[in-house]
C-alpha atoms as a PDB file:
ATOM      1  CA  MET A   1     -39.145 -27.349 -45.049  1.00  0.00           C
ATOM      2  CA  ASN A   2     -37.063 -30.258 -46.182  1.00  0.00           C
ATOM      3  CA  ASP A   3     -33.395 -30.166 -47.089  1.00  0.00           C
ATOM      4  CA  GLU A   4     -33.873 -30.192 -50.694  1.00  0.00           C
ATOM      5  CA  PHE A   5     -36.204 -27.468 -52.211  1.00  0.00           C
ATOM      6  CA  ILE A   6     -36.553 -26.072 -55.903  1.00  0.00           C
ATOM      7  CA  LEU A   7     -34.445 -23.196 -56.504  1.00  0.00           C
ATOM      8  CA  SER A   8     -35.004 -22.571 -60.400  1.00  0.00           C
ATOM      9  CA  ALA A   9     -36.237 -23.752 -63.727  1.00  0.00           C
ATOM     10  CA  ALA A  10     -33.736 -25.248 -65.654  1.00  0.00           C
ATOM     11  CA  ILE A  11     -33.092 -27.003 -69.147  1.00  0.00           C
ATOM     12  CA  TRP A  12     -30.270 -29.809 -69.720  1.00  0.00           C
ATOM     13  CA  VAL A  13     -28.796 -29.654 -72.800  1.00  0.00           C
ATOM     14  CA  ASN A  14     -27.088 -32.933 -73.798  1.00  0.00           C
ATOM     15  CA  ASP A  15     -24.517 -31.747 -76.050  1.00  0.00           C
ATOM     16  CA  LYS A  16     -22.551 -35.078 -75.477  1.00  0.00           C
ATOM     17  CA  GLU A  17     -19.581 -33.360 -74.073  1.00  0.00           C
ATOM     18  CA  LYS A  18     -18.589 -32.815 -70.395  1.00  0.00           C
ATOM     19  CA  HIS A  19     -18.545 -29.373 -68.694  1.00  0.00           C
ATOM     20  CA  GLU A  20     -17.114 -28.565 -65.461  1.00  0.00           C
ATOM     21  CA  GLN A  21     -19.422 -26.838 -62.674  1.00  0.00           C
ATOM     22  CA  GLN A  22     -22.678 -28.540 -63.701  1.00  0.00           C
ATOM     23  CA  PRO A  23     -25.045 -30.310 -61.300  1.00  0.00           C
ATOM     24  CA  GLU A  24     -24.001 -33.217 -59.166  1.00  0.00           C
ATOM     25  CA  ASN A  25     -25.683 -35.518 -61.163  1.00  0.00           C
ATOM     26  CA  ILE A  26     -25.169 -34.274 -64.598  1.00  0.00           C
ATOM     27  CA  GLU A  27     -22.083 -36.033 -66.267  1.00  0.00           C
ATOM     28  CA  ILE A  28     -22.553 -34.930 -69.659  1.00  0.00           C
ATOM     29  CA  GLY A  29     -24.106 -31.978 -71.348  1.00  0.00           C
ATOM     30  CA  PHE A  30     -24.492 -28.579 -69.314  1.00  0.00           C
ATOM     31  CA  VAL A  31     -27.684 -26.908 -67.539  1.00  0.00           C
ATOM     32  CA  VAL A  32     -29.173 -23.442 -68.060  1.00  0.00           C
ATOM     33  CA  CYS A  33     -31.097 -21.997 -65.084  1.00  0.00           C
ATOM     34  CA  GLY A  34     -33.822 -19.241 -65.221  1.00  0.00           C
ATOM     35  CA  ARG A  35     -36.833 -17.877 -63.273  1.00  0.00           C
ATOM     36  CA  ARG A  36     -39.036 -19.671 -65.825  1.00  0.00           C
ATOM     37  CA  HIS A  37     -38.206 -22.446 -68.577  1.00  0.00           C
ATOM     38  CA  ASN A  38     -38.884 -19.622 -71.403  1.00  0.00           C
ATOM     39  CA  ASN A  39     -35.644 -17.716 -69.477  1.00  0.00           C
ATOM     40  CA  CYS A  40     -33.590 -20.639 -69.982  1.00  0.00           C
ATOM     41  CA  TYR A  41     -34.456 -20.954 -73.818  1.00  0.00           C
ATOM     42  CA  GLN A  42     -33.629 -17.348 -74.365  1.00  0.00           C
ATOM     43  CA  THR A  43     -30.122 -17.637 -72.559  1.00  0.00           C
ATOM     44  CA  ILE A  44     -29.460 -20.707 -74.933  1.00  0.00           C
ATOM     45  CA  THR A  45     -30.351 -18.566 -78.071  1.00  0.00           C
ATOM     46  CA  ASP A  46     -28.251 -15.746 -76.775  1.00  0.00           C
ATOM     47  CA  LEU A  47     -25.251 -18.183 -76.534  1.00  0.00           C
ATOM     48  CA  LYS A  48     -25.976 -20.550 -79.535  1.00  0.00           C
ATOM     49  CA  GLY A  49     -28.265 -19.039 -81.692  1.00  0.00           C
ATOM     50  CA  ASP A  50     -31.716 -20.011 -82.906  1.00  0.00           C
ATOM     51  CA  VAL A  51     -32.543 -22.802 -80.223  1.00  0.00           C
ATOM     52  CA  HIS A  52     -34.460 -24.806 -82.613  1.00  0.00           C
ATOM     53  CA  LYS A  53     -31.593 -24.972 -85.206  1.00  0.00           C
ATOM     54  CA  TYR A  54     -28.954 -25.865 -82.254  1.00  0.00           C
ATOM     55  CA  PHE A  55     -31.101 -28.403 -80.596  1.00  0.00           C
ATOM     56  CA  ALA A  56     -31.670 -29.918 -84.146  1.00  0.00           C
ATOM     57  CA  SER A  57     -27.809 -30.028 -84.432  1.00  0.00           C
ATOM     58  CA  LEU A  58     -27.781 -32.162 -81.313  1.00  0.00           C
ATOM     59  CA  ASN A  59     -30.646 -34.410 -82.644  1.00  0.00           C
ATOM     60  CA  ILE A  60     -33.131 -33.128 -80.052  1.00  0.00           C
ATOM     61  CA  THR A  61     -36.547 -32.810 -81.659  1.00  0.00           C
ATOM     62  CA  ASP A  62     -39.258 -30.414 -80.713  1.00  0.00           C
ATOM     63  CA  ASP A  63     -41.205 -33.524 -78.964  1.00  0.00           C
ATOM     64  CA  ASP A  64     -38.034 -33.883 -76.838  1.00  0.00           C
ATOM     65  CA  TYR A  65     -38.100 -30.372 -75.443  1.00  0.00           C
ATOM     66  CA  ARG A  66     -40.372 -31.310 -72.353  1.00  0.00           C
ATOM     67  CA  LYS A  67     -37.683 -34.079 -71.757  1.00  0.00           C
ATOM     68  CA  TYR A  68     -35.201 -31.701 -70.827  1.00  0.00           C
ATOM     69  CA  GLN A  69     -36.982 -29.196 -69.242  1.00  0.00           C
ATOM     70  CA  GLY A  70     -36.574 -29.741 -65.237  1.00  0.00           C
ATOM     71  CA  PHE A  71     -35.474 -27.676 -62.111  1.00  0.00           C
ATOM     72  CA  ILE A  72     -32.314 -27.070 -60.029  1.00  0.00           C
ATOM     73  CA  THR A  73     -32.572 -27.964 -56.455  1.00  0.00           C
ATOM     74  CA  SER A  74     -30.839 -26.523 -53.400  1.00  0.00           C
ATOM     75  CA  LEU A  75     -28.746 -29.925 -53.362  1.00  0.00           C
ATOM     76  CA  ASN A  76     -27.458 -29.011 -56.660  1.00  0.00           C
ATOM     77  CA  ARG A  77     -29.422 -31.693 -58.417  1.00  0.00           C
ATOM     78  CA  TYR A  78     -31.160 -31.127 -61.743  1.00  0.00           C
ATOM     79  CA  VAL A  79     -34.529 -32.941 -61.295  1.00  0.00           C
ATOM     80  CA  ASP A  80     -37.388 -33.546 -63.933  1.00  0.00           C
ATOM     81  CA  ARG A  81     -40.569 -32.320 -63.721  1.00  0.00           C
ATOM     82  CA  LYS A  82     -41.862 -35.293 -61.862  1.00  0.00           C
ATOM     83  CA  GLU A  83     -39.608 -35.267 -59.160  1.00  0.00           C
ATOM     84  CA  GLY A  84     -39.553 -31.519 -59.257  1.00  0.00           C
ATOM     85  CA  TRP A  85     -43.296 -31.731 -58.284  1.00  0.00           C
ATOM     86  CA  LEU A  86     -42.637 -33.953 -55.256  1.00  0.00           C
ATOM     87  CA  ILE A  87     -40.184 -31.982 -53.954  1.00  0.00           C
ATOM     88  CA  ALA A  88     -41.796 -28.495 -54.290  1.00  0.00           C
ATOM     89  CA  LYS A  89     -45.132 -30.169 -53.008  1.00  0.00           C
ATOM     90  CA  ALA A  90     -43.193 -31.522 -49.899  1.00  0.00           C
ATOM     91  CA  ASN A  91     -41.853 -27.963 -49.077  1.00  0.00           C
ATOM     92  CA  ASN A  92     -45.188 -25.770 -49.841  1.00  0.00           C
ATOM     93  CA  GLN A  93     -43.610 -24.161 -52.717  1.00  0.00           C
ATOM     94  CA  ILE A  94     -46.532 -24.765 -55.107  1.00  0.00           C
ATOM     95  CA  LYS A  95     -48.184 -21.435 -54.882  1.00  0.00           C
ATOM     96  CA  PHE A  96     -50.374 -21.290 -58.131  1.00  0.00           C
ATOM     97  CA  GLY A  97     -52.275 -24.151 -59.965  1.00  0.00           C
ATOM     98  CA  LEU A  98     -52.139 -26.991 -57.258  1.00  0.00           C
ATOM     99  CA  VAL A  99     -55.641 -28.219 -57.929  1.00  0.00           C
ATOM    100  CA  GLY A 100     -55.306 -27.859 -61.669  1.00  0.00           C
ATOM    101  CA  CYS A 101     -51.879 -29.544 -61.806  1.00  0.00           C
ATOM    102  CA  GLU A 102     -52.022 -32.407 -59.307  1.00  0.00           C
ATOM    103  CA  ASN A 103     -52.698 -35.609 -61.278  1.00  0.00           C
ATOM    104  CA  GLY A 104     -51.441 -38.284 -59.014  1.00  0.00           C
ATOM    105  CA  GLU A 105     -48.396 -40.157 -60.268  1.00  0.00           C
ATOM    106  CA  ASP A 106     -48.492 -37.938 -63.415  1.00  0.00           C
ATOM    107  CA  SER A 107     -48.198 -34.643 -61.577  1.00  0.00           C
ATOM    108  CA  ILE A 108     -45.692 -32.378 -63.258  1.00  0.00           C
ATOM    109  CA  LEU A 109     -44.173 -29.180 -61.959  1.00  0.00           C
ATOM    110  CA  ILE A 110     -44.311 -26.079 -64.250  1.00  0.00           C
ATOM    111  CA  SER A 111     -42.500 -22.993 -63.376  1.00  0.00           C
ATOM    112  CA  GLU A 112     -45.384 -20.849 -63.068  1.00  0.00           C
ATOM    113  CA  ASN A 113     -46.450 -23.007 -60.005  1.00  0.00           C
ATOM    114  CA  LEU A 114     -43.945 -21.517 -58.207  1.00  0.00           C
ATOM    115  CA  TYR A 115     -43.398 -17.574 -57.112  1.00  0.00           C
END
């Protein structure tokens, strides 16, 4: 196993503010973690109200949602779905959908690929 591996699904909420205790590569906004991305969205809803309205107030459109979905690694980094795929594959963390999801440079990790 490599030094860096995927810990959990995550969503970066770029609210244009600085928050303490964020992943080392996140300077503005905050990251919500969960087992699956839907768990992250539920946490945002619980804290901020309707996620669609909250994101709209931040000028995040429905089309932007996937852009902010990623993962937290063991080195306290937030990574996007493409980098997440490379890290998970290098560590044999992909347990479901390897054949169906692998698409060369366009491969992306989805939380359902992991246990």
